[in-house]
N, C-alpha and C. Protein backbone atom coordinates (compact mmCIF):
# COMPACT_ATOMS: atom_id res chain seq x y z
N MET A 1 62.24 -35.80 -16.27
CA MET A 1 62.14 -34.90 -15.09
C MET A 1 61.44 -33.58 -15.47
N CYS A 2 61.83 -33.04 -16.66
CA CYS A 2 61.20 -31.79 -17.10
C CYS A 2 59.71 -31.96 -17.30
N ARG A 3 59.32 -33.10 -17.91
CA ARG A 3 57.92 -33.35 -18.14
C ARG A 3 57.17 -33.41 -16.81
N ARG A 4 57.79 -34.03 -15.81
CA ARG A 4 57.13 -34.14 -14.53
C ARG A 4 56.93 -32.80 -13.88
N ARG A 5 57.98 -31.89 -14.03
CA ARG A 5 57.83 -30.58 -13.44
C ARG A 5 56.69 -29.82 -14.13
N ARG A 6 56.65 -29.95 -15.46
CA ARG A 6 55.57 -29.26 -16.18
C ARG A 6 54.21 -29.73 -15.75
N THR A 7 54.10 -31.06 -15.56
CA THR A 7 52.80 -31.63 -15.12
C THR A 7 52.42 -31.11 -13.76
N LEU A 8 53.35 -31.05 -12.83
CA LEU A 8 53.08 -30.53 -11.50
C LEU A 8 52.70 -29.07 -11.55
N ALA A 9 53.36 -28.28 -12.43
CA ALA A 9 53.06 -26.85 -12.53
C ALA A 9 51.64 -26.62 -13.06
N VAL A 10 51.25 -27.41 -14.08
CA VAL A 10 49.92 -27.29 -14.63
C VAL A 10 48.87 -27.65 -13.61
N THR A 11 49.14 -28.73 -12.88
CA THR A 11 48.18 -29.18 -11.85
C THR A 11 48.00 -28.10 -10.75
N ALA A 12 49.13 -27.52 -10.34
CA ALA A 12 49.04 -26.47 -9.30
C ALA A 12 48.30 -25.23 -9.81
N LEU A 13 48.54 -24.84 -11.08
CA LEU A 13 47.86 -23.70 -11.65
C LEU A 13 46.35 -23.92 -11.73
N ALA A 14 45.96 -25.14 -12.12
CA ALA A 14 44.56 -25.48 -12.21
C ALA A 14 43.91 -25.41 -10.84
N ALA A 15 44.61 -25.90 -9.79
CA ALA A 15 44.06 -25.86 -8.43
C ALA A 15 43.89 -24.42 -7.99
N LEU A 16 44.87 -23.56 -8.29
CA LEU A 16 44.73 -22.15 -7.88
C LEU A 16 43.58 -21.48 -8.62
N THR A 17 43.41 -21.80 -9.87
CA THR A 17 42.29 -21.21 -10.66
C THR A 17 40.96 -21.59 -10.10
N LEU A 18 40.80 -22.86 -9.73
CA LEU A 18 39.52 -23.34 -9.17
C LEU A 18 39.28 -22.69 -7.85
N ALA A 19 40.35 -22.52 -7.00
CA ALA A 19 40.18 -21.90 -5.71
C ALA A 19 39.76 -20.45 -5.86
N ALA A 20 40.32 -19.76 -6.84
CA ALA A 20 39.99 -18.33 -7.03
C ALA A 20 38.58 -18.18 -7.56
N CYS A 21 38.13 -19.09 -8.36
CA CYS A 21 36.79 -18.97 -8.98
C CYS A 21 35.74 -19.73 -8.23
N GLY A 22 36.12 -20.42 -7.19
CA GLY A 22 35.15 -21.31 -6.53
C GLY A 22 33.94 -20.56 -6.00
N SER A 23 34.16 -19.31 -5.51
CA SER A 23 33.01 -18.59 -4.94
C SER A 23 32.04 -18.10 -5.99
N GLU A 24 32.46 -18.18 -7.25
CA GLU A 24 31.58 -17.78 -8.34
C GLU A 24 30.93 -18.93 -9.02
N GLN A 25 31.17 -20.19 -8.58
CA GLN A 25 30.57 -21.35 -9.26
C GLN A 25 29.10 -21.38 -9.05
N PRO A 26 28.33 -21.78 -10.00
CA PRO A 26 26.86 -21.95 -9.82
C PRO A 26 26.60 -22.84 -8.66
N GLY A 27 25.63 -22.42 -7.85
CA GLY A 27 25.23 -23.24 -6.72
C GLY A 27 25.95 -22.91 -5.45
N SER A 28 27.01 -22.04 -5.51
CA SER A 28 27.67 -21.63 -4.27
C SER A 28 26.79 -20.67 -3.53
N PRO A 29 26.97 -20.61 -2.19
CA PRO A 29 26.01 -19.83 -1.35
C PRO A 29 25.94 -18.37 -1.71
N GLY A 30 27.03 -17.73 -2.17
CA GLY A 30 27.05 -16.32 -2.40
C GLY A 30 26.25 -15.89 -3.62
N VAL A 31 26.26 -16.68 -4.66
CA VAL A 31 25.60 -16.27 -5.91
C VAL A 31 24.09 -16.13 -5.77
N PRO A 32 23.40 -17.15 -5.27
CA PRO A 32 21.95 -17.02 -5.14
C PRO A 32 21.56 -15.85 -4.24
N THR A 33 22.37 -15.59 -3.18
CA THR A 33 22.04 -14.47 -2.28
C THR A 33 22.09 -13.16 -3.00
N ARG A 34 23.17 -12.94 -3.77
CA ARG A 34 23.28 -11.72 -4.53
C ARG A 34 22.17 -11.60 -5.59
N ALA A 35 21.84 -12.70 -6.21
CA ALA A 35 20.74 -12.64 -7.23
C ALA A 35 19.45 -12.29 -6.57
N ALA A 36 19.16 -12.88 -5.39
CA ALA A 36 17.89 -12.60 -4.68
C ALA A 36 17.84 -11.14 -4.27
N ASP A 37 18.99 -10.60 -3.79
CA ASP A 37 19.04 -9.19 -3.41
C ASP A 37 18.76 -8.30 -4.60
N ALA A 38 19.28 -8.65 -5.77
CA ALA A 38 19.08 -7.85 -6.94
C ALA A 38 17.61 -7.87 -7.36
N VAL A 39 16.97 -9.00 -7.27
CA VAL A 39 15.56 -9.13 -7.61
C VAL A 39 14.74 -8.32 -6.66
N SER A 40 15.06 -8.39 -5.33
CA SER A 40 14.30 -7.62 -4.35
C SER A 40 14.44 -6.15 -4.59
N ALA A 41 15.70 -5.69 -4.87
CA ALA A 41 15.92 -4.26 -5.13
C ALA A 41 15.13 -3.81 -6.36
N GLY A 42 15.06 -4.67 -7.39
CA GLY A 42 14.31 -4.34 -8.58
C GLY A 42 12.83 -4.19 -8.32
N LYS A 43 12.28 -5.11 -7.46
CA LYS A 43 10.87 -4.98 -7.11
C LYS A 43 10.59 -3.75 -6.34
N ASP A 44 11.49 -3.39 -5.39
CA ASP A 44 11.29 -2.18 -4.61
C ASP A 44 11.29 -0.95 -5.47
N ALA A 45 12.20 -0.91 -6.43
CA ALA A 45 12.31 0.21 -7.35
C ALA A 45 11.03 0.35 -8.18
N ALA A 46 10.55 -0.79 -8.69
CA ALA A 46 9.33 -0.76 -9.50
C ALA A 46 8.12 -0.31 -8.66
N PHE A 47 8.09 -0.76 -7.41
CA PHE A 47 6.99 -0.37 -6.51
C PHE A 47 7.00 1.13 -6.26
N THR A 48 8.20 1.67 -6.04
CA THR A 48 8.35 3.11 -5.80
C THR A 48 7.95 3.89 -7.04
N ARG A 49 8.33 3.43 -8.22
CA ARG A 49 7.94 4.12 -9.46
C ARG A 49 6.41 4.13 -9.60
N MET A 50 5.78 2.99 -9.25
CA MET A 50 4.29 2.95 -9.34
C MET A 50 3.68 3.96 -8.43
N LEU A 51 4.19 4.02 -7.17
CA LEU A 51 3.62 5.02 -6.21
C LEU A 51 3.80 6.43 -6.74
N ASP A 52 4.95 6.72 -7.32
CA ASP A 52 5.20 8.06 -7.83
C ASP A 52 4.29 8.37 -9.00
N GLU A 53 4.02 7.37 -9.84
CA GLU A 53 3.16 7.59 -11.01
C GLU A 53 1.70 7.83 -10.53
N VAL A 54 1.22 7.05 -9.57
CA VAL A 54 -0.15 7.23 -9.09
C VAL A 54 -0.31 8.63 -8.44
N ALA A 55 0.73 9.11 -7.76
CA ALA A 55 0.67 10.41 -7.06
C ALA A 55 1.26 11.53 -7.89
N ARG A 56 1.45 11.29 -9.17
CA ARG A 56 2.16 12.26 -10.02
C ARG A 56 1.52 13.65 -10.00
N GLU A 57 0.21 13.75 -9.96
CA GLU A 57 -0.50 15.04 -9.96
C GLU A 57 -0.90 15.49 -8.56
N CYS A 58 -0.43 14.80 -7.54
CA CYS A 58 -0.81 15.13 -6.16
C CYS A 58 0.19 16.14 -5.55
N PRO A 59 -0.19 16.80 -4.44
CA PRO A 59 0.69 17.72 -3.76
C PRO A 59 1.97 17.03 -3.30
N ALA A 60 2.94 17.85 -2.89
CA ALA A 60 4.22 17.33 -2.40
C ALA A 60 4.00 16.64 -1.05
N PRO A 61 4.88 15.70 -0.70
CA PRO A 61 4.79 15.00 0.61
C PRO A 61 4.77 16.02 1.74
N GLY A 62 3.88 15.77 2.72
CA GLY A 62 3.80 16.63 3.90
C GLY A 62 2.90 17.83 3.74
N ALA A 63 2.37 18.08 2.51
CA ALA A 63 1.48 19.24 2.30
C ALA A 63 0.19 19.02 3.10
N LYS A 64 -0.24 20.14 3.72
CA LYS A 64 -1.45 20.07 4.56
C LYS A 64 -2.71 20.14 3.66
N ARG A 65 -3.72 19.47 4.09
CA ARG A 65 -4.99 19.53 3.37
C ARG A 65 -5.74 20.77 3.80
N GLU A 66 -6.36 21.42 2.82
CA GLU A 66 -7.10 22.62 3.09
C GLU A 66 -8.57 22.28 3.32
N THR A 67 -9.19 23.04 4.29
CA THR A 67 -10.61 22.89 4.50
C THR A 67 -11.37 23.42 3.32
N PRO A 68 -12.31 22.69 2.72
CA PRO A 68 -13.05 23.23 1.54
C PRO A 68 -13.74 24.52 1.88
N ALA A 69 -13.60 25.52 1.01
CA ALA A 69 -14.23 26.82 1.23
C ALA A 69 -15.66 26.79 0.70
N PRO A 70 -16.54 27.67 1.24
CA PRO A 70 -17.93 27.69 0.74
C PRO A 70 -17.97 28.24 -0.67
N PRO A 71 -19.01 27.94 -1.45
CA PRO A 71 -19.07 28.45 -2.82
C PRO A 71 -18.88 29.94 -2.87
N LYS A 72 -18.34 30.47 -4.00
CA LYS A 72 -18.08 31.88 -4.13
C LYS A 72 -19.33 32.71 -3.96
N GLY A 73 -19.22 33.77 -3.15
CA GLY A 73 -20.39 34.62 -2.92
C GLY A 73 -21.25 34.17 -1.75
N GLU A 74 -20.93 33.01 -1.17
CA GLU A 74 -21.70 32.52 -0.02
C GLU A 74 -20.82 32.52 1.20
N ALA A 75 -21.39 32.94 2.32
CA ALA A 75 -20.67 32.94 3.58
C ALA A 75 -21.02 31.63 4.34
N PRO A 76 -20.09 31.16 5.17
CA PRO A 76 -20.38 29.99 5.95
C PRO A 76 -21.62 30.21 6.77
N THR A 77 -22.51 29.26 6.85
CA THR A 77 -23.75 29.38 7.63
C THR A 77 -23.50 28.93 9.05
N ALA A 78 -24.04 29.67 9.98
CA ALA A 78 -23.93 29.34 11.41
C ALA A 78 -25.24 28.69 11.83
N PRO A 79 -25.23 27.83 12.81
CA PRO A 79 -26.46 27.22 13.27
C PRO A 79 -27.43 28.27 13.81
N VAL A 80 -28.72 28.08 13.49
CA VAL A 80 -29.73 29.04 13.88
C VAL A 80 -30.25 28.64 15.28
N GLU A 81 -30.16 29.57 16.22
CA GLU A 81 -30.66 29.29 17.57
C GLU A 81 -32.17 29.52 17.65
N PRO A 82 -32.91 28.59 18.23
CA PRO A 82 -34.35 28.75 18.31
C PRO A 82 -34.69 29.87 19.31
N PRO A 83 -35.78 30.58 19.12
CA PRO A 83 -36.13 31.65 20.03
C PRO A 83 -36.44 31.07 21.43
N PRO A 84 -36.26 31.94 22.45
CA PRO A 84 -36.50 31.45 23.84
C PRO A 84 -37.93 30.88 23.99
N GLY A 85 -38.00 29.73 24.61
CA GLY A 85 -39.33 29.11 24.90
C GLY A 85 -39.82 28.27 23.74
N ALA A 86 -39.15 28.26 22.60
CA ALA A 86 -39.64 27.50 21.43
C ALA A 86 -39.33 26.02 21.65
N THR A 87 -40.22 25.21 21.13
CA THR A 87 -40.03 23.78 21.19
C THR A 87 -39.23 23.31 19.99
N VAL A 88 -38.15 22.59 20.26
CA VAL A 88 -37.30 22.11 19.17
C VAL A 88 -37.76 20.70 18.74
N GLU A 89 -38.21 20.61 17.51
CA GLU A 89 -38.66 19.33 16.99
C GLU A 89 -37.45 18.49 16.58
N PRO A 90 -37.44 17.21 16.90
CA PRO A 90 -36.35 16.33 16.46
C PRO A 90 -36.36 16.17 14.94
N PRO A 91 -35.25 15.84 14.35
CA PRO A 91 -35.21 15.61 12.89
C PRO A 91 -36.18 14.51 12.50
N PRO A 92 -36.81 14.59 11.31
CA PRO A 92 -37.73 13.56 10.89
C PRO A 92 -37.08 12.19 10.85
N GLY A 93 -37.83 11.20 11.35
CA GLY A 93 -37.31 9.86 11.32
C GLY A 93 -36.23 9.58 12.31
N GLY A 94 -36.04 10.54 13.22
CA GLY A 94 -35.00 10.31 14.24
C GLY A 94 -33.59 10.44 13.68
N ALA A 95 -33.47 11.17 12.55
CA ALA A 95 -32.13 11.30 11.94
C ALA A 95 -31.21 12.08 12.86
N VAL A 96 -29.94 11.74 12.78
CA VAL A 96 -28.93 12.37 13.62
C VAL A 96 -28.02 13.22 12.74
N GLU A 97 -27.73 14.42 13.22
CA GLU A 97 -26.86 15.31 12.45
C GLU A 97 -25.46 14.66 12.36
N PRO A 98 -24.85 14.70 11.15
CA PRO A 98 -23.52 14.08 11.03
C PRO A 98 -22.50 14.82 11.90
N VAL A 99 -21.58 14.05 12.44
CA VAL A 99 -20.52 14.61 13.31
C VAL A 99 -19.20 14.52 12.54
N ALA A 100 -18.47 15.60 12.61
CA ALA A 100 -17.20 15.62 11.91
C ALA A 100 -16.25 14.57 12.52
N PRO A 101 -15.57 13.80 11.68
CA PRO A 101 -14.67 12.77 12.24
C PRO A 101 -13.49 13.41 12.99
N THR A 102 -13.02 12.68 13.97
CA THR A 102 -11.85 13.12 14.75
C THR A 102 -10.66 12.20 14.55
N ALA A 103 -10.83 11.12 13.79
CA ALA A 103 -9.74 10.19 13.51
C ALA A 103 -10.00 9.56 12.13
N GLY A 104 -8.99 8.92 11.60
CA GLY A 104 -9.14 8.26 10.32
C GLY A 104 -8.55 9.10 9.20
N PRO A 105 -8.66 8.61 7.97
CA PRO A 105 -8.03 9.27 6.83
C PRO A 105 -8.42 10.73 6.65
N GLU A 106 -9.64 11.07 6.97
CA GLU A 106 -10.12 12.47 6.76
C GLU A 106 -9.31 13.47 7.53
N VAL A 107 -8.79 13.09 8.68
CA VAL A 107 -8.07 14.07 9.52
C VAL A 107 -6.60 13.73 9.72
N GLU A 108 -6.17 12.50 9.41
CA GLU A 108 -4.82 12.09 9.72
C GLU A 108 -3.89 12.05 8.53
N LEU A 109 -4.42 12.01 7.33
CA LEU A 109 -3.57 11.94 6.14
C LEU A 109 -3.31 13.35 5.58
N ASP A 110 -2.09 13.55 5.07
CA ASP A 110 -1.77 14.86 4.46
C ASP A 110 -2.33 14.90 3.07
N ALA A 111 -2.17 16.05 2.40
CA ALA A 111 -2.79 16.25 1.10
C ALA A 111 -2.31 15.24 0.06
N ARG A 112 -1.04 14.89 0.06
CA ARG A 112 -0.51 13.96 -0.90
C ARG A 112 -1.09 12.59 -0.70
N ASP A 113 -1.12 12.08 0.58
CA ASP A 113 -1.65 10.75 0.83
C ASP A 113 -3.11 10.68 0.50
N TRP A 114 -3.87 11.71 0.83
CA TRP A 114 -5.32 11.70 0.54
C TRP A 114 -5.55 11.64 -0.96
N CYS A 115 -4.82 12.49 -1.69
CA CYS A 115 -4.96 12.53 -3.16
C CYS A 115 -4.59 11.16 -3.74
N ALA A 116 -3.44 10.62 -3.36
CA ALA A 116 -3.01 9.31 -3.87
C ALA A 116 -3.97 8.21 -3.43
N GLY A 117 -4.46 8.30 -2.20
CA GLY A 117 -5.35 7.26 -1.68
C GLY A 117 -6.62 7.11 -2.53
N VAL A 118 -7.17 8.24 -2.98
CA VAL A 118 -8.35 8.20 -3.84
C VAL A 118 -8.05 7.45 -5.12
N ARG A 119 -6.87 7.67 -5.67
CA ARG A 119 -6.48 7.01 -6.93
C ARG A 119 -6.20 5.52 -6.73
N HIS A 120 -5.58 5.19 -5.60
CA HIS A 120 -5.33 3.77 -5.33
C HIS A 120 -6.67 3.04 -5.10
N GLU A 121 -7.59 3.65 -4.39
CA GLU A 121 -8.88 3.04 -4.18
C GLU A 121 -9.55 2.70 -5.49
N GLN A 122 -9.54 3.65 -6.41
CA GLN A 122 -10.23 3.45 -7.70
C GLN A 122 -9.57 2.40 -8.54
N ARG A 123 -8.24 2.41 -8.65
CA ARG A 123 -7.57 1.47 -9.57
C ARG A 123 -7.66 0.04 -9.02
N VAL A 124 -7.61 -0.13 -7.70
CA VAL A 124 -7.70 -1.49 -7.14
C VAL A 124 -9.12 -2.00 -7.22
N ALA A 125 -10.10 -1.15 -6.89
CA ALA A 125 -11.51 -1.58 -6.94
C ALA A 125 -11.92 -1.97 -8.32
N GLU A 126 -11.52 -1.17 -9.31
CA GLU A 126 -11.88 -1.46 -10.71
C GLU A 126 -11.32 -2.78 -11.15
N ALA A 127 -10.07 -3.08 -10.74
CA ALA A 127 -9.44 -4.33 -11.17
C ALA A 127 -10.09 -5.52 -10.48
N LEU A 128 -10.40 -5.39 -9.19
CA LEU A 128 -10.99 -6.52 -8.45
C LEU A 128 -12.44 -6.82 -8.89
N LEU A 129 -13.11 -5.78 -9.37
CA LEU A 129 -14.48 -6.00 -9.82
C LEU A 129 -14.56 -6.93 -11.02
N ARG A 130 -13.47 -7.08 -11.76
CA ARG A 130 -13.45 -7.97 -12.92
C ARG A 130 -13.31 -9.44 -12.56
N LEU A 131 -12.98 -9.70 -11.31
CA LEU A 131 -12.76 -11.09 -10.92
C LEU A 131 -14.09 -11.82 -10.72
N GLU A 132 -14.20 -12.99 -11.35
CA GLU A 132 -15.40 -13.80 -11.18
C GLU A 132 -15.31 -14.60 -9.89
N GLN A 133 -14.11 -15.04 -9.54
CA GLN A 133 -13.88 -15.81 -8.31
C GLN A 133 -12.76 -15.13 -7.51
N PRO A 134 -13.09 -14.14 -6.70
CA PRO A 134 -12.02 -13.41 -6.02
C PRO A 134 -11.46 -14.12 -4.79
N ASP A 135 -10.78 -15.25 -5.06
CA ASP A 135 -10.11 -15.97 -3.96
C ASP A 135 -8.75 -15.31 -3.69
N PRO A 136 -8.10 -15.64 -2.60
CA PRO A 136 -6.84 -15.00 -2.25
C PRO A 136 -5.79 -15.05 -3.35
N ALA A 137 -5.68 -16.16 -4.05
CA ALA A 137 -4.66 -16.29 -5.10
C ALA A 137 -4.94 -15.31 -6.25
N GLN A 138 -6.21 -15.19 -6.64
CA GLN A 138 -6.58 -14.27 -7.72
C GLN A 138 -6.42 -12.82 -7.28
N VAL A 139 -6.78 -12.54 -6.04
CA VAL A 139 -6.65 -11.15 -5.53
C VAL A 139 -5.19 -10.76 -5.52
N ARG A 140 -4.30 -11.68 -5.04
CA ARG A 140 -2.88 -11.39 -5.04
C ARG A 140 -2.37 -11.16 -6.45
N LYS A 141 -2.82 -11.95 -7.40
CA LYS A 141 -2.38 -11.84 -8.77
C LYS A 141 -2.75 -10.43 -9.33
N VAL A 142 -3.98 -9.99 -9.02
CA VAL A 142 -4.42 -8.68 -9.48
C VAL A 142 -3.58 -7.57 -8.85
N LEU A 143 -3.35 -7.67 -7.53
CA LEU A 143 -2.57 -6.64 -6.85
C LEU A 143 -1.15 -6.63 -7.36
N ASN A 144 -0.56 -7.78 -7.58
CA ASN A 144 0.79 -7.84 -8.15
C ASN A 144 0.82 -7.20 -9.53
N GLY A 145 -0.21 -7.48 -10.34
CA GLY A 145 -0.27 -6.91 -11.67
C GLY A 145 -0.37 -5.41 -11.70
N LEU A 146 -0.92 -4.83 -10.60
CA LEU A 146 -1.02 -3.38 -10.49
C LEU A 146 0.25 -2.77 -9.95
N GLY A 147 1.18 -3.60 -9.51
CA GLY A 147 2.47 -3.07 -8.99
C GLY A 147 2.63 -3.19 -7.49
N TYR A 148 1.62 -3.74 -6.78
CA TYR A 148 1.73 -3.90 -5.32
C TYR A 148 2.48 -5.22 -5.04
N THR A 149 3.65 -5.12 -4.43
CA THR A 149 4.48 -6.28 -4.20
C THR A 149 3.97 -7.09 -3.01
N ASP A 150 4.39 -8.39 -3.00
CA ASP A 150 3.94 -9.30 -1.93
C ASP A 150 4.32 -8.75 -0.55
N GLU A 151 5.49 -8.10 -0.45
CA GLU A 151 5.93 -7.60 0.85
C GLU A 151 5.00 -6.50 1.37
N ARG A 152 4.21 -5.89 0.50
CA ARG A 152 3.29 -4.82 0.91
C ARG A 152 1.85 -5.29 1.10
N ILE A 153 1.59 -6.56 0.80
CA ILE A 153 0.25 -7.10 0.91
C ILE A 153 0.09 -7.85 2.22
N HIS A 154 -0.93 -7.55 2.99
CA HIS A 154 -1.08 -8.14 4.32
C HIS A 154 -2.53 -8.62 4.54
N GLY A 155 -2.65 -9.57 5.45
CA GLY A 155 -3.97 -10.02 5.84
C GLY A 155 -4.82 -10.62 4.74
N LEU A 156 -4.20 -11.19 3.75
CA LEU A 156 -4.94 -11.72 2.62
C LEU A 156 -5.55 -13.07 3.01
N LYS A 157 -6.84 -13.11 3.18
CA LYS A 157 -7.47 -14.37 3.58
C LYS A 157 -8.94 -14.35 3.12
N ARG A 158 -9.49 -15.56 3.11
CA ARG A 158 -10.87 -15.73 2.61
C ARG A 158 -11.77 -16.15 3.75
N SER A 159 -12.97 -15.55 3.81
CA SER A 159 -13.98 -15.90 4.77
C SER A 159 -15.28 -16.05 4.02
N GLY A 160 -15.72 -17.30 3.76
CA GLY A 160 -16.89 -17.52 2.96
C GLY A 160 -16.61 -17.11 1.52
N ALA A 161 -17.43 -16.23 0.99
CA ALA A 161 -17.25 -15.78 -0.38
C ALA A 161 -16.45 -14.46 -0.44
N ILE A 162 -15.97 -13.99 0.68
CA ILE A 162 -15.26 -12.71 0.75
C ILE A 162 -13.78 -12.90 0.99
N THR A 163 -12.97 -12.18 0.25
CA THR A 163 -11.52 -12.18 0.48
C THR A 163 -11.13 -10.80 0.94
N THR A 164 -10.47 -10.74 2.10
CA THR A 164 -10.06 -9.46 2.67
C THR A 164 -8.56 -9.29 2.49
N PHE A 165 -8.09 -8.05 2.51
CA PHE A 165 -6.68 -7.77 2.33
C PHE A 165 -6.40 -6.34 2.79
N ALA A 166 -5.09 -6.04 2.98
CA ALA A 166 -4.66 -4.67 3.26
C ALA A 166 -3.35 -4.49 2.49
N VAL A 167 -3.06 -3.24 2.13
CA VAL A 167 -1.83 -2.91 1.38
C VAL A 167 -1.12 -1.73 2.07
N ASP A 168 0.11 -1.94 2.41
CA ASP A 168 0.94 -0.88 3.02
C ASP A 168 1.49 0.02 1.93
N LEU A 169 1.05 1.26 1.92
CA LEU A 169 1.47 2.25 0.90
C LEU A 169 2.31 3.33 1.48
N ARG A 170 2.86 3.14 2.63
CA ARG A 170 3.69 4.19 3.29
C ARG A 170 4.90 4.53 2.44
N ASP A 171 5.10 5.81 2.19
CA ASP A 171 6.24 6.23 1.34
C ASP A 171 6.53 7.68 1.61
N LYS A 172 7.82 8.03 1.63
CA LYS A 172 8.26 9.44 1.85
C LYS A 172 7.67 10.01 3.12
N GLY A 173 7.65 9.20 4.17
CA GLY A 173 7.13 9.69 5.48
C GLY A 173 5.61 9.66 5.62
N GLY A 174 4.90 9.18 4.59
CA GLY A 174 3.44 9.16 4.67
C GLY A 174 2.92 8.00 5.48
N ARG A 175 1.59 7.94 5.63
CA ARG A 175 0.95 6.93 6.48
C ARG A 175 -0.19 6.21 5.76
N LEU A 176 -0.19 6.30 4.45
CA LEU A 176 -1.34 5.74 3.69
C LEU A 176 -1.31 4.25 3.63
N CYS A 177 -2.49 3.65 3.69
CA CYS A 177 -2.65 2.22 3.46
C CYS A 177 -4.02 2.01 2.85
N LEU A 178 -4.23 0.80 2.32
CA LEU A 178 -5.56 0.44 1.78
C LEU A 178 -6.07 -0.78 2.52
N GLU A 179 -7.39 -0.83 2.65
CA GLU A 179 -8.02 -2.03 3.20
C GLU A 179 -9.21 -2.38 2.31
N GLY A 180 -9.38 -3.64 1.97
CA GLY A 180 -10.43 -3.96 1.02
C GLY A 180 -11.04 -5.31 1.23
N THR A 181 -12.19 -5.49 0.62
CA THR A 181 -12.90 -6.78 0.56
C THR A 181 -13.24 -7.01 -0.92
N ALA A 182 -12.84 -8.20 -1.42
CA ALA A 182 -13.16 -8.55 -2.78
C ALA A 182 -14.36 -9.50 -2.73
N HIS A 183 -15.48 -9.04 -3.33
CA HIS A 183 -16.72 -9.83 -3.23
C HIS A 183 -17.60 -9.48 -4.41
N GLY A 184 -17.12 -9.69 -5.63
CA GLY A 184 -17.96 -9.38 -6.78
C GLY A 184 -18.38 -7.94 -6.86
N GLU A 185 -19.66 -7.74 -7.09
CA GLU A 185 -20.22 -6.39 -7.19
C GLU A 185 -20.20 -5.66 -5.82
N LEU A 186 -19.99 -6.40 -4.74
CA LEU A 186 -19.98 -5.80 -3.40
C LEU A 186 -18.53 -5.48 -2.97
N THR A 187 -17.57 -5.53 -3.89
CA THR A 187 -16.20 -5.23 -3.60
C THR A 187 -16.08 -3.78 -3.08
N GLU A 188 -15.29 -3.64 -2.01
CA GLU A 188 -15.01 -2.34 -1.42
C GLU A 188 -13.57 -2.15 -1.15
N VAL A 189 -13.04 -0.96 -1.45
CA VAL A 189 -11.65 -0.64 -1.14
C VAL A 189 -11.63 0.75 -0.49
N GLU A 190 -11.06 0.84 0.68
CA GLU A 190 -11.01 2.10 1.44
C GLU A 190 -9.58 2.42 1.86
N MET A 191 -9.22 3.70 1.79
CA MET A 191 -7.94 4.11 2.31
C MET A 191 -7.97 4.06 3.82
N CYS A 192 -6.79 3.87 4.41
CA CYS A 192 -6.69 3.83 5.86
C CYS A 192 -5.38 4.48 6.28
N VAL A 193 -5.12 4.55 7.57
CA VAL A 193 -3.96 5.22 8.11
C VAL A 193 -3.13 4.24 8.93
N ALA A 194 -1.85 4.11 8.58
CA ALA A 194 -0.95 3.22 9.31
C ALA A 194 0.00 4.07 10.18
N PRO A 195 0.58 3.51 11.20
CA PRO A 195 1.57 4.23 11.99
C PRO A 195 2.72 4.70 11.08
N ALA A 196 3.30 5.83 11.40
CA ALA A 196 4.36 6.42 10.55
C ALA A 196 5.59 5.51 10.46
N GLN A 197 5.88 4.78 11.54
CA GLN A 197 7.07 3.96 11.56
C GLN A 197 6.74 2.58 12.11
N GLY A 198 7.65 1.64 11.90
CA GLY A 198 7.47 0.31 12.44
C GLY A 198 6.85 -0.63 11.43
N ALA A 199 6.76 -1.87 11.80
CA ALA A 199 6.18 -2.90 10.93
C ALA A 199 4.66 -2.63 10.75
N PHE A 200 4.18 -3.00 9.59
CA PHE A 200 2.78 -2.80 9.29
C PHE A 200 1.96 -3.84 10.07
N ASP A 201 0.93 -3.36 10.76
CA ASP A 201 0.06 -4.27 11.55
C ASP A 201 -1.36 -3.82 11.33
N ILE A 202 -2.17 -4.74 10.82
CA ILE A 202 -3.60 -4.39 10.55
C ILE A 202 -4.29 -3.97 11.81
N ALA A 203 -3.90 -4.53 12.94
CA ALA A 203 -4.58 -4.21 14.23
C ALA A 203 -4.35 -2.76 14.61
N ASN A 204 -3.35 -2.08 14.01
CA ASN A 204 -3.01 -0.72 14.43
C ASN A 204 -3.36 0.33 13.38
N ILE A 205 -4.08 -0.05 12.34
CA ILE A 205 -4.46 0.96 11.36
C ILE A 205 -5.71 1.70 11.78
N HIS A 206 -5.86 2.92 11.27
CA HIS A 206 -7.05 3.72 11.59
C HIS A 206 -7.93 3.79 10.37
N ARG A 207 -9.20 3.51 10.56
CA ARG A 207 -10.14 3.50 9.43
C ARG A 207 -11.08 4.66 9.54
N ARG A 208 -11.89 4.80 8.48
CA ARG A 208 -12.98 5.81 8.52
C ARG A 208 -13.94 5.40 9.65
N PRO A 209 -14.47 6.39 10.39
CA PRO A 209 -15.42 6.06 11.46
C PRO A 209 -16.58 5.26 10.91
N GLY A 210 -16.91 4.17 11.58
CA GLY A 210 -18.01 3.34 11.18
C GLY A 210 -17.62 2.21 10.28
N VAL A 211 -16.34 2.19 9.81
CA VAL A 211 -15.92 1.09 8.91
C VAL A 211 -15.43 -0.05 9.73
């Protein structure tokens, strides 16, 4: 009888132990979810560190960009009005005077985003120029290698020999993004402006005029 009681007690204890540890067993639903969350958090932290490193020497978030001043000792030049009755000759070759942009990175990005944008343009363009076959898989690999996570890469697709993409670089209230085409020596990477809030949508970004 004593042996039977001991056997029942051991069996009951084993059952309780398995029940208590069941949620921690490999393959249970909770463990992979927590592991995936940890990996995602690690990627986000690494991405943020990369953004901070690129913008390390840039102004603080929200800083306004200053209008470039004329060289020292020179005053801003005003347009010269022709004398009354004079004939105004058009510019040679029908050239048109440049017009200051009213939208796009030049006017919509703050000092930090503009400064960081120049650095992101350079580092991405230099890396993509090394690709002999810039297909979407290779472009993604390069962007990942530079610290741009898959969650921030959008519109990655190939059209003929050209692979296009965009990268959401919004951080600390900024609106910075990149848009690029990988095409050998014709590779181009340009900063752009995304909405301050909401999901990233290529259709809603603002580009440099004429781009």
